[in-house]
């Protein structure tokens, strides 16, 4: 059973930075995509960024490009999301997620409909 545990959320002022962490375990397949989705109050869950375990390629939603960076430490089974230049519109619960589908772009856009492996979520609040 895949287990994902996210941490690192908090309250930060606009323009500030936060780093989220996700520990993972229990994968039974060799390659997978892992990364972050978020859900703001009253909005659908959206894909933020993913990284492929196969080759390290990454995909980002347009709204975070140049500000957020995903990374993975495969020896520690950890994925990180460095968030810089945070904006109030980044306020959301951030979920770590994983899926064996390696079409990152499709997974980022539509994966909320079929992904079954989710972490518990960590709240990020950006004040203006």
Protein backbone atom coordinates (compact mmCIF):
# COMPACT_ATOMS: atom_id res chain seq x y z
CA UNK A 1 0.00 0.00 0.00
CA UNK A 2 1.36 3.39 -1.00
CA UNK A 3 1.67 5.79 1.89
CA UNK A 4 2.33 9.49 1.55
CA UNK A 5 2.93 11.90 4.39
CA UNK A 6 3.07 15.62 3.71
CA UNK A 7 4.40 18.28 6.05
CA UNK A 8 5.75 21.81 6.09
CA UNK A 9 2.72 23.98 5.61
CA UNK A 10 2.13 27.15 7.55
CA UNK A 11 1.38 30.84 7.47
CA UNK A 12 3.63 33.11 5.45
CA UNK A 13 3.44 36.64 4.13
CA UNK A 14 3.18 37.34 0.44
CA UNK A 15 6.60 37.23 -1.13
CA UNK A 16 7.85 34.70 1.38
CA UNK A 17 8.94 31.10 1.01
CA UNK A 18 7.99 27.69 2.33
CA UNK A 19 9.24 24.20 1.71
CA UNK A 20 6.87 21.27 1.77
CA UNK A 21 8.06 17.73 2.30
CA UNK A 22 6.47 14.41 1.44
CA UNK A 23 7.71 11.07 2.63
CA UNK A 24 6.57 8.07 0.65
CA UNK A 25 6.66 4.31 0.88
CA UNK A 26 5.00 1.15 -0.33
CA UNK A 27 5.41 1.50 -4.08
CA UNK A 28 5.10 -1.81 -5.90
CA UNK A 29 5.93 -0.49 -9.37
CA UNK A 30 9.33 0.55 -10.62
CA UNK A 31 8.44 3.92 -12.07
CA UNK A 32 5.88 6.49 -11.04
CA UNK A 33 5.01 10.13 -10.98
CA UNK A 34 4.94 11.89 -7.64
CA UNK A 35 4.24 15.45 -6.71
CA UNK A 36 1.77 18.01 -5.48
CA UNK A 37 -1.82 19.01 -5.95
CA UNK A 38 -3.63 21.75 -4.10
CA UNK A 39 -7.17 22.69 -3.25
CA UNK A 40 -8.25 26.18 -2.32
CA UNK A 41 -11.54 26.78 -0.49
CA UNK A 42 -14.46 26.43 -2.86
CA UNK A 43 -12.30 25.32 -5.76
CA UNK A 44 -11.44 22.06 -7.46
CA UNK A 45 -8.24 20.30 -6.65
CA UNK A 46 -5.58 21.22 -9.18
CA UNK A 47 -2.23 19.78 -10.12
CA UNK A 48 0.74 21.93 -9.13
CA UNK A 49 3.83 19.95 -10.06
CA UNK A 50 5.01 16.41 -10.67
CA UNK A 51 8.30 14.63 -11.09
CA UNK A 52 8.97 11.34 -12.81
CA UNK A 53 10.94 8.68 -10.97
CA UNK A 54 12.03 7.25 -14.30
CA UNK A 55 14.06 10.19 -15.58
CA UNK A 56 13.50 13.13 -13.25
CA UNK A 57 11.47 15.14 -15.71
CA UNK A 58 9.14 17.67 -14.16
CA UNK A 59 5.93 19.42 -15.04
CA UNK A 60 4.45 22.57 -13.51
CA UNK A 61 1.15 24.35 -13.75
CA UNK A 62 1.66 27.71 -15.43
CA UNK A 63 0.74 29.73 -12.35
CA UNK A 64 3.75 28.47 -10.36
CA UNK A 65 6.43 28.29 -13.04
CA UNK A 66 9.53 30.19 -12.02
CA UNK A 67 8.43 30.29 -8.37
CA UNK A 68 8.04 26.65 -7.29
CA UNK A 69 10.58 23.87 -7.61
CA UNK A 70 9.99 20.18 -7.07
CA UNK A 71 12.81 17.84 -6.15
CA UNK A 72 13.20 14.24 -5.04
CA UNK A 73 15.67 12.45 -2.80
CA UNK A 74 15.27 8.84 -3.82
CA UNK A 75 17.61 7.58 -1.12
CA UNK A 76 15.42 9.11 1.58
CA UNK A 77 12.10 8.49 -0.20
CA UNK A 78 11.29 12.15 0.02
CA UNK A 79 9.82 14.71 -2.36
CA UNK A 80 10.08 18.42 -1.72
CA UNK A 81 8.30 21.49 -2.97
CA UNK A 82 10.23 24.72 -2.60
CA UNK A 83 7.79 27.60 -2.90
CA UNK A 84 9.18 31.09 -3.38
CA UNK A 85 7.55 34.43 -4.07
CA UNK A 86 4.33 33.15 -2.58
CA UNK A 87 1.10 34.91 -3.42
CA UNK A 88 -2.23 34.97 -1.59
CA UNK A 89 -3.71 32.91 -4.43
CA UNK A 90 -1.33 30.10 -3.49
CA UNK A 91 -3.32 29.62 -0.29
CA UNK A 92 -4.63 26.06 -0.30
CA UNK A 93 -4.32 22.64 1.21
CA UNK A 94 -1.41 20.97 -0.55
CA UNK A 95 -1.56 17.23 -1.14
CA UNK A 96 1.24 14.90 -2.01
CA UNK A 97 0.11 12.40 -4.63
CA UNK A 98 1.47 9.59 -6.72
CA UNK A 99 0.45 7.54 -9.73
CA UNK A 100 2.10 5.01 -12.03
CA UNK A 101 1.04 7.08 -15.05
CA UNK A 102 4.13 8.86 -16.41
CA UNK A 103 2.31 11.27 -18.72
CA UNK A 104 3.02 14.15 -16.39
CA UNK A 105 1.19 16.79 -18.35
CA UNK A 106 -2.01 14.74 -18.54
CA UNK A 107 -1.66 13.64 -14.94
CA UNK A 108 -1.22 17.19 -13.76
CA UNK A 109 -4.30 18.37 -15.60
CA UNK A 110 -6.67 15.46 -15.09
CA UNK A 111 -5.15 13.23 -12.45
CA UNK A 112 -7.40 14.51 -9.68
CA UNK A 113 -10.13 12.37 -11.27
CA UNK A 114 -8.34 9.02 -10.94
CA UNK A 115 -5.37 9.25 -8.57
CA UNK A 116 -5.94 6.99 -5.59
CA UNK A 117 -2.71 7.60 -3.65
CA UNK A 118 -2.96 10.82 -1.68
CA UNK A 119 -1.28 12.15 1.41
CA UNK A 120 -3.29 13.82 4.15
CA UNK A 121 -2.68 17.43 3.03
CA UNK A 122 -0.89 20.35 4.60
CA UNK A 123 -2.32 23.86 4.76
CA UNK A 124 -0.44 26.77 3.24
CA UNK A 125 -1.79 30.22 4.01
CA UNK A 126 -0.30 33.27 2.32
CA UNK A 127 -1.32 36.59 3.82
CA UNK A 128 -1.34 39.80 1.81
